Amino acid sequence: MRILAIRPRALGDVVLVTPALRALANAAPGTEVEFATEPRYRELIEGLPHVTRIWPVERDAAGTARLVAALRRRGFDLAVDFFGNPRSAQIARGSGARRTAGYDLRGRAWLYDLRVPRALEGGPGPDGRPQREYAAATHVRLAVAAGGRADGLAAGLARPPAAAAEAERILAAAGVRAPARAVGLVAAGTWPTKTWPAANAGFLARALIESGREVLLLSGPGEEAVSATVRRHAPAIRELPACGVGALAAVIARLGAVVGTDSGPKHVAAALGVPTYTWYGPTHPSTWSPAGAAHAHWWTALPCRACDRTSCPHWNCMPGLSVAEAARRVLEHLERHERSAAGLGAAAGA
């Protein structure tokens, strides 16, 4: 059986879909899983034993048309859309697969032969509100409904040797002397509302540096203004140079921990066994935090939390998380869970 899995973007979501790819590969002996995603994420997936081919998803209409034409020639038995936007749904249907599966979302559910709800609520949490399903579990649930067999929720990433060598060069160029004692800091976020104020991130970085740790700012294109503010408040911070996602993952694999915004680098860290600490406001920790004591979080106490809004007229949730309390919580978490240099051999060399 040949299966097409679709998840064009983004970094964290591509990481969280990998358990579902394994589940699809377990559907039957000889099953081949091919994965359609944006070219930048190829390095994270190519080489995984349960994925046989990567298809590049371009953002322009001409590129999408070429992809659909190529997919139709492959003769897929099943196409599973783990994204659920109009374009990915059209790719699933246009692939010519004998069956299609996706989330039951308004406006595109009709393009799938099999539909499952994207959001499920669990029992009450500590605050009395219903818990939400972990994002990786949502994808695995869709994969199982489509005929796959679950194989846990642990994410898996490819680790090409070239990326490992590049990571060593990047860390040296950034001036990180002891990566195992260094903390990766994510200051920016995909949405403005889920991003802690950049000045707060800078003051936290300074507190971490004063504790004797090196801090590496994990930033990307379009985050220059946030990075500049962090540097202004923490001049001793190191900064990750521009690099691909494969090198980013290899850098993260060598760090002692990753802290900051709910983000792609946080999910990469968790997939690589690197401890994390995350702050939350409009997003829900149950959805985006993996299980385990090594992955802790601080969530606003405001009653409107977990609103999932990308804009907000009052936006008090993230600014209300004080720097002093954040530093106390993060340092306490690091003392318990950050990795030692002796424990990094397997992760760094993989």
C-alpha atoms as a PDB file:
ATOM      1  CA  MET A   1       0.000   0.000   0.000  1.00  0.00           C
ATOM      2  CA  ARG A   2       1.235   3.470  -0.886  1.00  0.00           C
ATOM      3  CA  ILE A   3       0.172   6.375   1.365  1.00  0.00           C
ATOM      4  CA  LEU A   4       0.607  10.109   0.872  1.00  0.00           C
ATOM      5  CA  ALA A   5       0.823  12.168   4.092  1.00  0.00           C
ATOM      6  CA  ILE A   6       0.506  15.959   3.824  1.00  0.00           C
ATOM      7  CA  ARG A   7       1.763  18.590   6.295  1.00  0.00           C
ATOM      8  CA  PRO A   8       3.259  21.603   4.483  1.00  0.00           C
ATOM      9  CA  ARG A   9       4.230  23.680   7.549  1.00  0.00           C
ATOM     10  CA  ALA A  10       5.255  24.855  10.196  1.00  0.00           C
ATOM     11  CA  LEU A  11       8.365  23.629  12.038  1.00  0.00           C
ATOM     12  CA  GLY A  12       6.714  22.510  15.277  1.00  0.00           C
ATOM     13  CA  ASP A  13       3.738  20.997  13.474  1.00  0.00           C
ATOM     14  CA  VAL A  14       5.978  19.004  11.132  1.00  0.00           C
ATOM     15  CA  VAL A  15       7.794  17.633  14.189  1.00  0.00           C
ATOM     16  CA  LEU A  16       4.513  16.711  15.888  1.00  0.00           C
ATOM     17  CA  VAL A  17       3.192  14.822  12.859  1.00  0.00           C
ATOM     18  CA  THR A  18       6.078  12.316  12.861  1.00  0.00           C
ATOM     19  CA  PRO A  19       4.365   9.878  15.281  1.00  0.00           C
ATOM     20  CA  ALA A  20       1.413   9.788  12.856  1.00  0.00           C
ATOM     21  CA  LEU A  21       3.769   8.985   9.965  1.00  0.00           C
ATOM     22  CA  ARG A  22       5.004   5.966  11.942  1.00  0.00           C
ATOM     23  CA  ALA A  23       1.421   4.917  12.607  1.00  0.00           C
ATOM     24  CA  LEU A  24       0.626   5.021   8.889  1.00  0.00           C
ATOM     25  CA  ALA A  25       3.735   2.984   8.089  1.00  0.00           C
ATOM     26  CA  ASN A  26       2.478   0.340  10.537  1.00  0.00           C
ATOM     27  CA  ALA A  27      -0.815  -0.038   8.629  1.00  0.00           C
ATOM     28  CA  ALA A  28       0.262  -3.231   6.878  1.00  0.00           C
ATOM     29  CA  PRO A  29       3.485  -5.013   5.864  1.00  0.00           C
ATOM     30  CA  GLY A  30       5.089  -3.347   2.881  1.00  0.00           C
ATOM     31  CA  THR A  31       3.302  -0.017   3.374  1.00  0.00           C
ATOM     32  CA  GLU A  32       5.143   2.939   1.820  1.00  0.00           C
ATOM     33  CA  VAL A  33       4.579   6.404   3.302  1.00  0.00           C
ATOM     34  CA  GLU A  34       5.493   9.438   1.206  1.00  0.00           C
ATOM     35  CA  PHE A  35       5.406  12.882   2.785  1.00  0.00           C
ATOM     36  CA  ALA A  36       4.509  16.243   1.200  1.00  0.00           C
ATOM     37  CA  THR A  37       5.970  19.257   3.002  1.00  0.00           C
ATOM     38  CA  GLU A  38       7.761  22.523   2.307  1.00  0.00           C
ATOM     39  CA  PRO A  39      11.354  22.005   1.094  1.00  0.00           C
ATOM     40  CA  ARG A  40      12.923  23.567   4.199  1.00  0.00           C
ATOM     41  CA  TYR A  41      11.722  20.638   6.344  1.00  0.00           C
ATOM     42  CA  ARG A  42      13.179  17.876   4.164  1.00  0.00           C
ATOM     43  CA  GLU A  43      16.265  17.612   6.379  1.00  0.00           C
ATOM     44  CA  LEU A  44      14.162  16.695   9.401  1.00  0.00           C
ATOM     45  CA  ILE A  45      12.257  13.882   7.683  1.00  0.00           C
ATOM     46  CA  GLU A  46      14.490  12.477   4.959  1.00  0.00           C
ATOM     47  CA  GLY A  47      16.215   9.373   6.284  1.00  0.00           C
ATOM     48  CA  LEU A  48      13.486   8.346   8.722  1.00  0.00           C
ATOM     49  CA  PRO A  49      12.963   4.609   8.147  1.00  0.00           C
ATOM     50  CA  HIS A  50       9.192   4.893   7.851  1.00  0.00           C
ATOM     51  CA  VAL A  51       9.199   7.615   5.144  1.00  0.00           C
ATOM     52  CA  THR A  52      10.205   6.531   1.648  1.00  0.00           C
ATOM     53  CA  ARG A  53       9.978   9.810  -0.269  1.00  0.00           C
ATOM     54  CA  ILE A  54       9.626  13.560   0.297  1.00  0.00           C
ATOM     55  CA  TRP A  55       7.500  15.697  -2.023  1.00  0.00           C
ATOM     56  CA  PRO A  56       8.216  19.462  -2.009  1.00  0.00           C
ATOM     57  CA  VAL A  57       5.173  21.680  -1.446  1.00  0.00           C
ATOM     58  CA  GLU A  58       5.681  25.142  -2.948  1.00  0.00           C
ATOM     59  CA  ARG A  59       3.497  28.084  -1.964  1.00  0.00           C
ATOM     60  CA  ASP A  60       2.710  29.312  -5.474  1.00  0.00           C
ATOM     61  CA  ALA A  61      -0.156  28.053  -7.600  1.00  0.00           C
ATOM     62  CA  ALA A  62       2.079  26.819 -10.424  1.00  0.00           C
ATOM     63  CA  GLY A  63       4.170  24.759  -8.012  1.00  0.00           C
ATOM     64  CA  THR A  64       1.039  23.260  -6.460  1.00  0.00           C
ATOM     65  CA  ALA A  65      -0.281  22.314  -9.904  1.00  0.00           C
ATOM     66  CA  ARG A  66       3.017  20.586 -10.792  1.00  0.00           C
ATOM     67  CA  LEU A  67       2.966  18.713  -7.497  1.00  0.00           C
ATOM     68  CA  VAL A  68      -0.604  17.493  -7.983  1.00  0.00           C
ATOM     69  CA  ALA A  69       0.209  16.292 -11.508  1.00  0.00           C
ATOM     70  CA  ALA A  70       3.232  14.361 -10.237  1.00  0.00           C
ATOM     71  CA  LEU A  71       1.281  12.861  -7.349  1.00  0.00           C
ATOM     72  CA  ARG A  72      -1.463  11.609  -9.641  1.00  0.00           C
ATOM     73  CA  ARG A  73       1.110   9.552 -11.534  1.00  0.00           C
ATOM     74  CA  ARG A  74       2.173   7.729  -8.338  1.00  0.00           C
ATOM     75  CA  GLY A  75      -1.087   5.850  -7.819  1.00  0.00           C
ATOM     76  CA  PHE A  76      -1.639   6.383  -4.099  1.00  0.00           C
ATOM     77  CA  ASP A  77      -4.042   4.144  -2.222  1.00  0.00           C
ATOM     78  CA  LEU A  78      -4.590   6.734   0.508  1.00  0.00           C
ATOM     79  CA  ALA A  79      -3.904  10.454   1.029  1.00  0.00           C
ATOM     80  CA  VAL A  80      -4.036  11.825   4.586  1.00  0.00           C
ATOM     81  CA  ASP A  81      -4.116  15.598   5.123  1.00  0.00           C
ATOM     82  CA  PHE A  82      -2.707  16.500   8.551  1.00  0.00           C
ATOM     83  CA  PHE A  83      -2.942  20.258   7.875  1.00  0.00           C
ATOM     84  CA  GLY A  84      -6.494  20.930   6.773  1.00  0.00           C
ATOM     85  CA  ASN A  85      -6.236  24.251   4.966  1.00  0.00           C
ATOM     86  CA  PRO A  86      -7.880  24.657   1.531  1.00  0.00           C
ATOM     87  CA  ARG A  87      -4.664  24.067  -0.427  1.00  0.00           C
ATOM     88  CA  SER A  88      -3.618  20.918   1.450  1.00  0.00           C
ATOM     89  CA  ALA A  89      -7.158  19.545   1.128  1.00  0.00           C
ATOM     90  CA  GLN A  90      -7.041  20.172  -2.624  1.00  0.00           C
ATOM     91  CA  ILE A  91      -3.654  18.438  -2.836  1.00  0.00           C
ATOM     92  CA  ALA A  92      -5.115  15.406  -1.064  1.00  0.00           C
ATOM     93  CA  ARG A  93      -8.101  15.235  -3.405  1.00  0.00           C
ATOM     94  CA  GLY A  94      -6.067  16.142  -6.486  1.00  0.00           C
ATOM     95  CA  SER A  95      -3.501  13.407  -5.782  1.00  0.00           C
ATOM     96  CA  GLY A  96      -5.917  10.882  -7.253  1.00  0.00           C
ATOM     97  CA  ALA A  97      -5.639   8.629  -4.208  1.00  0.00           C
ATOM     98  CA  ARG A  98      -8.318   5.959  -3.956  1.00  0.00           C
ATOM     99  CA  ARG A  99      -9.257   7.278  -0.489  1.00  0.00           C
ATOM    100  CA  THR A 100      -8.656  10.582   1.261  1.00  0.00           C
ATOM    101  CA  ALA A 101      -8.724  11.392   4.970  1.00  0.00           C
ATOM    102  CA  GLY A 102      -8.587  14.629   6.930  1.00  0.00           C
ATOM    103  CA  TYR A 103     -10.108  16.730   9.677  1.00  0.00           C
ATOM    104  CA  ASP A 104     -13.791  17.605   9.728  1.00  0.00           C
ATOM    105  CA  LEU A 105     -13.371  21.312   9.034  1.00  0.00           C
ATOM    106  CA  ARG A 106     -15.913  23.638   7.514  1.00  0.00           C
ATOM    107  CA  GLY A 107     -15.396  24.372   3.830  1.00  0.00           C
ATOM    108  CA  ARG A 108     -13.092  21.443   2.985  1.00  0.00           C
ATOM    109  CA  ALA A 109     -14.376  18.367   4.808  1.00  0.00           C
ATOM    110  CA  TRP A 110     -16.230  17.358   1.628  1.00  0.00           C
ATOM    111  CA  LEU A 111     -12.868  16.767  -0.051  1.00  0.00           C
ATOM    112  CA  TYR A 112     -12.169  13.806   2.267  1.00  0.00           C
ATOM    113  CA  ASP A 113     -13.746  10.361   2.187  1.00  0.00           C
ATOM    114  CA  LEU A 114     -12.909   9.915   5.871  1.00  0.00           C
ATOM    115  CA  ARG A 115     -13.269  12.764   8.369  1.00  0.00           C
ATOM    116  CA  VAL A 116     -12.419  12.975  12.078  1.00  0.00           C
ATOM    117  CA  PRO A 117     -12.852  15.894  14.513  1.00  0.00           C
ATOM    118  CA  ARG A 118      -9.685  17.929  14.895  1.00  0.00           C
ATOM    119  CA  ALA A 119     -10.324  18.937  18.501  1.00  0.00           C
ATOM    120  CA  LEU A 120     -11.235  16.638  21.357  1.00  0.00           C
ATOM    121  CA  GLU A 121     -11.625  17.634  24.984  1.00  0.00           C
ATOM    122  CA  GLY A 122     -10.666  15.393  27.883  1.00  0.00           C
ATOM    123  CA  GLY A 123     -11.498  15.386  31.575  1.00  0.00           C
ATOM    124  CA  PRO A 124     -11.197  18.453  33.794  1.00  0.00           C
ATOM    125  CA  GLY A 125      -7.747  19.843  34.513  1.00  0.00           C
ATOM    126  CA  PRO A 126      -6.449  21.495  37.689  1.00  0.00           C
ATOM    127  CA  ASP A 127      -8.463  24.630  36.919  1.00  0.00           C
ATOM    128  CA  GLY A 128     -11.694  22.696  36.403  1.00  0.00           C
ATOM    129  CA  ARG A 129     -11.719  23.313  32.649  1.00  0.00           C
ATOM    130  CA  PRO A 130     -11.596  20.428  30.160  1.00  0.00           C
ATOM    131  CA  GLN A 131      -8.118  19.320  29.160  1.00  0.00           C
ATOM    132  CA  ARG A 132      -7.250  19.434  25.479  1.00  0.00           C
ATOM    133  CA  GLU A 133      -5.737  16.727  23.320  1.00  0.00           C
ATOM    134  CA  TYR A 134      -1.995  16.836  22.683  1.00  0.00           C
ATOM    135  CA  ALA A 135      -1.352  17.856  19.069  1.00  0.00           C
ATOM    136  CA  ALA A 136       0.672  14.728  18.272  1.00  0.00           C
ATOM    137  CA  ALA A 137      -2.182  12.583  19.628  1.00  0.00           C
ATOM    138  CA  THR A 138      -4.620  14.389  17.324  1.00  0.00           C
ATOM    139  CA  HIS A 139      -2.535  13.453  14.278  1.00  0.00           C
ATOM    140  CA  VAL A 140      -2.123   9.858  15.451  1.00  0.00           C
ATOM    141  CA  ARG A 141      -5.893   9.610  15.947  1.00  0.00           C
ATOM    142  CA  LEU A 142      -6.404  10.612  12.309  1.00  0.00           C
ATOM    143  CA  ALA A 143      -3.749   8.141  11.165  1.00  0.00           C
ATOM    144  CA  VAL A 144      -5.390   5.307  13.120  1.00  0.00           C
ATOM    145  CA  ALA A 145      -8.827   6.183  11.744  1.00  0.00           C
ATOM    146  CA  ALA A 146      -7.302   5.905   8.264  1.00  0.00           C
ATOM    147  CA  GLY A 147      -6.008   2.403   8.991  1.00  0.00           C
ATOM    148  CA  GLY A 148      -2.686   2.990  10.752  1.00  0.00           C
ATOM    149  CA  ARG A 149      -1.511   1.449  14.016  1.00  0.00           C
ATOM    150  CA  ALA A 150      -0.343   3.725  16.813  1.00  0.00           C
ATOM    151  CA  ASP A 151       3.274   3.491  17.928  1.00  0.00           C
ATOM    152  CA  GLY A 152       3.393   6.039  20.743  1.00  0.00           C
ATOM    153  CA  LEU A 153       3.532   9.833  20.649  1.00  0.00           C
ATOM    154  CA  ALA A 154       7.287  10.385  20.720  1.00  0.00           C
ATOM    155  CA  ALA A 155       8.405  12.554  17.797  1.00  0.00           C
ATOM    156  CA  GLY A 156      11.342  11.392  15.705  1.00  0.00           C
ATOM    157  CA  LEU A 157      13.667  13.480  13.556  1.00  0.00           C
ATOM    158  CA  ALA A 158      16.371  12.627  11.049  1.00  0.00           C
ATOM    159  CA  ARG A 159      19.921  13.583  12.075  1.00  0.00           C
ATOM    160  CA  PRO A 160      22.135  13.878   8.999  1.00  0.00           C
ATOM    161  CA  PRO A 161      25.900  13.809   9.718  1.00  0.00           C
ATOM    162  CA  ALA A 162      26.404  16.970   7.674  1.00  0.00           C
ATOM    163  CA  ALA A 163      24.055  18.877   9.981  1.00  0.00           C
ATOM    164  CA  ALA A 164      25.970  17.672  13.031  1.00  0.00           C
ATOM    165  CA  ALA A 165      29.221  18.997  11.595  1.00  0.00           C
ATOM    166  CA  GLU A 166      27.531  22.290  10.707  1.00  0.00           C
ATOM    167  CA  ALA A 167      26.236  22.595  14.260  1.00  0.00           C
ATOM    168  CA  GLU A 168      29.745  22.421  15.667  1.00  0.00           C
ATOM    169  CA  ARG A 169      30.809  25.243  13.344  1.00  0.00           C
ATOM    170  CA  ILE A 170      27.760  27.346  14.207  1.00  0.00           C
ATOM    171  CA  LEU A 171      28.232  27.008  17.951  1.00  0.00           C
ATOM    172  CA  ALA A 172      31.895  27.953  17.655  1.00  0.00           C
ATOM    173  CA  ALA A 173      31.054  30.947  15.458  1.00  0.00           C
ATOM    174  CA  ALA A 174      28.413  32.078  17.969  1.00  0.00           C
ATOM    175  CA  GLY A 175      30.993  31.940  20.751  1.00  0.00           C
ATOM    176  CA  VAL A 176      29.304  29.167  22.752  1.00  0.00           C
ATOM    177  CA  ARG A 177      32.127  27.556  24.706  1.00  0.00           C
ATOM    178  CA  ALA A 178      30.200  24.868  26.618  1.00  0.00           C
ATOM    179  CA  PRO A 179      27.015  23.860  24.730  1.00  0.00           C
ATOM    180  CA  ALA A 180      26.014  21.319  27.384  1.00  0.00           C
ATOM    181  CA  ARG A 181      25.742  24.163  29.896  1.00  0.00           C
ATOM    182  CA  ALA A 182      24.123  26.563  27.431  1.00  0.00           C
ATOM    183  CA  VAL A 183      20.416  27.417  27.323  1.00  0.00           C
ATOM    184  CA  GLY A 184      18.621  28.087  24.062  1.00  0.00           C
ATOM    185  CA  LEU A 185      16.204  31.025  24.400  1.00  0.00           C
ATOM    186  CA  VAL A 186      13.237  31.494  22.047  1.00  0.00           C
ATOM    187  CA  ALA A 187      12.050  35.087  22.389  1.00  0.00           C
ATOM    188  CA  ALA A 188       9.838  35.515  19.308  1.00  0.00           C
ATOM    189  CA  GLY A 189       6.631  33.706  18.423  1.00  0.00           C
ATOM    190  CA  THR A 190       4.479  32.971  15.406  1.00  0.00           C
ATOM    191  CA  TRP A 191       1.699  35.144  16.863  1.00  0.00           C
ATOM    192  CA  PRO A 192       2.275  38.444  18.643  1.00  0.00           C
ATOM    193  CA  THR A 193      -0.209  37.467  21.367  1.00  0.00           C
ATOM    194  CA  LYS A 194       1.701  34.361  22.454  1.00  0.00           C
ATOM    195  CA  THR A 195       5.076  36.142  22.573  1.00  0.00           C
ATOM    196  CA  TRP A 196       6.440  37.350  25.897  1.00  0.00           C
ATOM    197  CA  PRO A 197       7.570  41.016  25.702  1.00  0.00           C
ATOM    198  CA  ALA A 198      11.062  41.058  24.207  1.00  0.00           C
ATOM    199  CA  ALA A 199      12.438  43.182  27.058  1.00  0.00           C
ATOM    200  CA  ASN A 200      11.305  40.515  29.518  1.00  0.00           C
ATOM    201  CA  ALA A 201      13.122  37.866  27.505  1.00  0.00           C
ATOM    202  CA  GLY A 202      16.241  40.035  27.600  1.00  0.00           C
ATOM    203  CA  PHE A 203      16.110  40.433  31.380  1.00  0.00           C
ATOM    204  CA  LEU A 204      15.583  36.677  31.766  1.00  0.00           C
ATOM    205  CA  ALA A 205      18.598  36.026  29.554  1.00  0.00           C
ATOM    206  CA  ARG A 206      20.668  38.280  31.793  1.00  0.00           C
ATOM    207  CA  ALA A 207      19.528  36.349  34.882  1.00  0.00           C
ATOM    208  CA  LEU A 208      20.469  33.049  33.259  1.00  0.00           C
ATOM    209  CA  ILE A 209      23.876  34.415  32.282  1.00  0.00           C
ATOM    210  CA  GLU A 210      24.440  35.670  35.822  1.00  0.00           C
ATOM    211  CA  SER A 211      23.714  32.131  37.049  1.00  0.00           C
ATOM    212  CA  GLY A 212      26.807  30.959  35.169  1.00  0.00           C
ATOM    213  CA  ARG A 213      25.130  29.659  32.031  1.00  0.00           C
ATOM    214  CA  GLU A 214      25.652  30.652  28.434  1.00  0.00           C
ATOM    215  CA  VAL A 215      22.482  31.706  26.602  1.00  0.00           C
ATOM    216  CA  LEU A 216      22.030  31.212  22.862  1.00  0.00           C
ATOM    217  CA  LEU A 217      19.235  33.256  21.272  1.00  0.00           C
ATOM    218  CA  LEU A 218      17.379  31.015  18.804  1.00  0.00           C
ATOM    219  CA  SER A 219      15.965  33.453  16.261  1.00  0.00           C
ATOM    220  CA  GLY A 220      15.014  33.336  12.615  1.00  0.00           C
ATOM    221  CA  PRO A 221      14.103  35.537   9.640  1.00  0.00           C
ATOM    222  CA  GLY A 222      11.667  38.332  10.459  1.00  0.00           C
ATOM    223  CA  GLU A 223      12.572  38.333  14.155  1.00  0.00           C
ATOM    224  CA  GLU A 224      15.314  40.968  13.965  1.00  0.00           C
ATOM    225  CA  ALA A 225      13.458  43.589  16.029  1.00  0.00           C
ATOM    226  CA  VAL A 226      12.799  41.128  18.856  1.00  0.00           C
ATOM    227  CA  SER A 227      16.424  39.971  18.778  1.00  0.00           C
ATOM    228  CA  ALA A 228      17.702  43.547  18.914  1.00  0.00           C
ATOM    229  CA  THR A 229      15.632  44.255  22.036  1.00  0.00           C
ATOM    230  CA  VAL A 230      16.873  41.083  23.733  1.00  0.00           C
ATOM    231  CA  ARG A 231      20.494  41.973  22.920  1.00  0.00           C
ATOM    232  CA  ARG A 232      20.008  45.476  24.289  1.00  0.00           C
ATOM    233  CA  HIS A 233      18.995  44.109  27.683  1.00  0.00           C
ATOM    234  CA  ALA A 234      21.437  41.166  27.670  1.00  0.00           C
ATOM    235  CA  PRO A 235      24.587  42.226  25.790  1.00  0.00           C
ATOM    236  CA  ALA A 236      26.415  39.008  26.721  1.00  0.00           C
ATOM    237  CA  ILE A 237      23.885  36.789  24.969  1.00  0.00           C
ATOM    238  CA  ARG A 238      25.054  34.620  22.042  1.00  0.00           C
ATOM    239  CA  GLU A 239      22.987  34.535  18.869  1.00  0.00           C
ATOM    240  CA  LEU A 240      22.326  31.733  16.425  1.00  0.00           C
ATOM    241  CA  PRO A 241      23.505  32.641  12.904  1.00  0.00           C
ATOM    242  CA  ALA A 242      21.179  32.035   9.956  1.00  0.00           C
ATOM    243  CA  CYS A 243      20.978  28.315   9.210  1.00  0.00           C
ATOM    244  CA  GLY A 244      18.689  25.603   7.894  1.00  0.00           C
ATOM    245  CA  VAL A 245      16.363  23.582  10.088  1.00  0.00           C
ATOM    246  CA  GLY A 246      18.650  20.555   9.996  1.00  0.00           C
ATOM    247  CA  ALA A 247      21.525  22.541  11.481  1.00  0.00           C
ATOM    248  CA  LEU A 248      19.131  24.190  13.951  1.00  0.00           C
ATOM    249  CA  ALA A 249      18.052  20.765  15.197  1.00  0.00           C
ATOM    250  CA  ALA A 250      21.663  19.634  15.495  1.00  0.00           C
ATOM    251  CA  VAL A 251      22.512  22.764  17.502  1.00  0.00           C
ATOM    252  CA  ILE A 252      19.548  22.215  19.829  1.00  0.00           C
ATOM    253  CA  ALA A 253      20.612  18.591  20.368  1.00  0.00           C
ATOM    254  CA  ARG A 254      23.814  19.862  21.991  1.00  0.00           C
ATOM    255  CA  LEU A 255      22.211  22.352  24.375  1.00  0.00           C
ATOM    256  CA  GLY A 256      21.427  21.816  28.036  1.00  0.00           C
ATOM    257  CA  ALA A 257      17.842  23.082  27.679  1.00  0.00           C
ATOM    258  CA  VAL A 258      15.547  25.280  25.585  1.00  0.00           C
ATOM    259  CA  VAL A 259      13.259  27.855  27.223  1.00  0.00           C
ATOM    260  CA  GLY A 260      10.854  30.505  25.955  1.00  0.00           C
ATOM    261  CA  THR A 261       7.866  30.902  23.684  1.00  0.00           C
ATOM    262  CA  ASP A 262       5.744  27.978  22.551  1.00  0.00           C
ATOM    263  CA  SER A 263       7.540  27.475  19.251  1.00  0.00           C
ATOM    264  CA  GLY A 264       9.063  25.187  16.644  1.00  0.00           C
ATOM    265  CA  PRO A 265      12.487  25.055  18.363  1.00  0.00           C
ATOM    266  CA  LYS A 266      10.737  23.991  21.594  1.00  0.00           C
ATOM    267  CA  HIS A 267       9.154  21.024  19.797  1.00  0.00           C
ATOM    268  CA  VAL A 268      12.465  20.149  18.147  1.00  0.00           C
ATOM    269  CA  ALA A 269      14.108  20.174  21.583  1.00  0.00           C
ATOM    270  CA  ALA A 270      11.469  17.879  23.075  1.00  0.00           C
ATOM    271  CA  ALA A 271      11.821  15.464  20.133  1.00  0.00           C
ATOM    272  CA  LEU A 272      15.571  15.322  20.749  1.00  0.00           C
ATOM    273  CA  GLY A 273      15.279  14.717  24.479  1.00  0.00           C
ATOM    274  CA  VAL A 274      16.343  18.246  25.451  1.00  0.00           C
ATOM    275  CA  PRO A 275      14.528  19.656  28.532  1.00  0.00           C
ATOM    276  CA  THR A 276      12.215  22.609  27.897  1.00  0.00           C
ATOM    277  CA  TYR A 277      10.422  25.335  29.827  1.00  0.00           C
ATOM    278  CA  THR A 278       7.644  27.270  28.067  1.00  0.00           C
ATOM    279  CA  TRP A 279       5.328  30.159  28.910  1.00  0.00           C
ATOM    280  CA  TYR A 280       1.727  30.171  27.711  1.00  0.00           C
ATOM    281  CA  GLY A 281      -1.049  32.711  27.382  1.00  0.00           C
ATOM    282  CA  PRO A 282      -3.532  32.305  24.512  1.00  0.00           C
ATOM    283  CA  THR A 283      -2.470  28.728  23.684  1.00  0.00           C
ATOM    284  CA  HIS A 284      -3.154  25.665  25.832  1.00  0.00           C
ATOM    285  CA  PRO A 285      -0.304  23.681  27.422  1.00  0.00           C
ATOM    286  CA  SER A 286      -2.223  20.405  27.059  1.00  0.00           C
ATOM    287  CA  THR A 287      -2.159  20.856  23.290  1.00  0.00           C
ATOM    288  CA  TRP A 288       1.460  21.891  22.920  1.00  0.00           C
ATOM    289  CA  SER A 289       3.470  20.491  25.849  1.00  0.00           C
ATOM    290  CA  PRO A 290       4.756  16.906  25.731  1.00  0.00           C
ATOM    291  CA  ALA A 291       4.438  14.672  28.763  1.00  0.00           C
ATOM    292  CA  GLY A 292       7.266  14.327  31.246  1.00  0.00           C
ATOM    293  CA  ALA A 293       8.808  16.290  34.088  1.00  0.00           C
ATOM    294  CA  ALA A 294      11.590  17.551  31.817  1.00  0.00           C
ATOM    295  CA  HIS A 295       9.043  19.696  29.932  1.00  0.00           C
ATOM    296  CA  ALA A 296       7.491  22.247  32.285  1.00  0.00           C
ATOM    297  CA  HIS A 297       5.539  25.446  31.718  1.00  0.00           C
ATOM    298  CA  TRP A 298       4.115  28.579  33.280  1.00  0.00           C
ATOM    299  CA  TRP A 299       0.598  29.560  32.231  1.00  0.00           C
ATOM    300  CA  THR A 300      -1.168  32.843  32.840  1.00  0.00           C
ATOM    301  CA  ALA A 301      -3.918  32.713  35.459  1.00  0.00           C
ATOM    302  CA  LEU A 302      -6.255  35.077  33.561  1.00  0.00           C
ATOM    303  CA  PRO A 303      -9.713  33.593  32.975  1.00  0.00           C
ATOM    304  CA  CYS A 304      -9.518  34.302  29.238  1.00  0.00           C
ATOM    305  CA  ARG A 305      -6.420  32.144  28.767  1.00  0.00           C
ATOM    306  CA  ALA A 306      -6.376  29.524  26.004  1.00  0.00           C
ATOM    307  CA  CYS A 307      -8.450  31.820  23.775  1.00  0.00           C
ATOM    308  CA  ASP A 308      -6.245  30.970  20.732  1.00  0.00           C
ATOM    309  CA  ARG A 309      -6.584  34.561  19.545  1.00  0.00           C
ATOM    310  CA  THR A 310      -3.817  35.881  17.306  1.00  0.00           C
ATOM    311  CA  SER A 311      -4.760  39.462  18.204  1.00  0.00           C
ATOM    312  CA  CYS A 312      -6.191  40.905  21.406  1.00  0.00           C
ATOM    313  CA  PRO A 313      -7.427  44.396  22.393  1.00  0.00           C
ATOM    314  CA  HIS A 314      -6.076  44.199  25.954  1.00  0.00           C
ATOM    315  CA  TRP A 315      -3.317  41.499  25.841  1.00  0.00           C
ATOM    316  CA  ASN A 316      -2.522  41.135  29.512  1.00  0.00           C
ATOM    317  CA  CYS A 317      -1.751  37.434  29.643  1.00  0.00           C
ATOM    318  CA  MET A 318       1.905  37.335  28.530  1.00  0.00           C
ATOM    319  CA  PRO A 319       3.045  40.704  29.963  1.00  0.00           C
ATOM    320  CA  GLY A 320       1.596  39.594  33.300  1.00  0.00           C
ATOM    321  CA  LEU A 321       4.209  36.833  33.612  1.00  0.00           C
ATOM    322  CA  SER A 322       6.881  38.681  35.587  1.00  0.00           C
ATOM    323  CA  VAL A 323      10.581  38.429  34.852  1.00  0.00           C
ATOM    324  CA  ALA A 324      11.528  37.717  38.461  1.00  0.00           C
ATOM    325  CA  GLU A 325       9.084  34.833  38.781  1.00  0.00           C
ATOM    326  CA  ALA A 326      10.057  33.495  35.343  1.00  0.00           C
ATOM    327  CA  ALA A 327      13.726  33.488  36.320  1.00  0.00           C
ATOM    328  CA  ARG A 328      12.963  31.677  39.568  1.00  0.00           C
ATOM    329  CA  ARG A 329      10.883  29.034  37.838  1.00  0.00           C
ATOM    330  CA  VAL A 330      13.299  28.510  34.952  1.00  0.00           C
ATOM    331  CA  LEU A 331      16.383  28.268  37.159  1.00  0.00           C
ATOM    332  CA  GLU A 332      14.632  25.795  39.447  1.00  0.00           C
ATOM    333  CA  HIS A 333      13.668  23.691  36.410  1.00  0.00           C
ATOM    334  CA  LEU A 334      17.199  23.810  35.015  1.00  0.00           C
ATOM    335  CA  GLU A 335      18.728  22.708  38.300  1.00  0.00           C
ATOM    336  CA  ARG A 336      16.515  19.639  38.211  1.00  0.00           C
ATOM    337  CA  HIS A 337      16.510  18.742  34.544  1.00  0.00           C
ATOM    338  CA  GLU A 338      19.220  20.356  32.417  1.00  0.00           C
ATOM    339  CA  ARG A 339      21.605  17.814  30.992  1.00  0.00           C
ATOM    340  CA  SER A 340      25.237  17.466  31.968  1.00  0.00           C
ATOM    341  CA  ALA A 341      28.081  17.241  29.492  1.00  0.00           C
ATOM    342  CA  ALA A 342      28.492  13.554  30.349  1.00  0.00           C
ATOM    343  CA  GLY A 343      24.899  12.841  29.366  1.00  0.00           C
ATOM    344  CA  LEU A 344      25.063  14.494  25.970  1.00  0.00           C
ATOM    345  CA  GLY A 345      27.259  12.039  24.123  1.00  0.00           C
ATOM    346  CA  ALA A 346      24.514   9.979  22.544  1.00  0.00           C
ATOM    347  CA  ALA A 347      22.339  12.955  21.589  1.00  0.00           C
ATOM    348  CA  ALA A 348      25.151  15.000  20.093  1.00  0.00           C
ATOM    349  CA  GLY A 349      26.653  12.128  18.177  1.00  0.00           C
ATOM    350  CA  ALA A 350      23.407  10.782  16.729  1.00  0.00           C
END
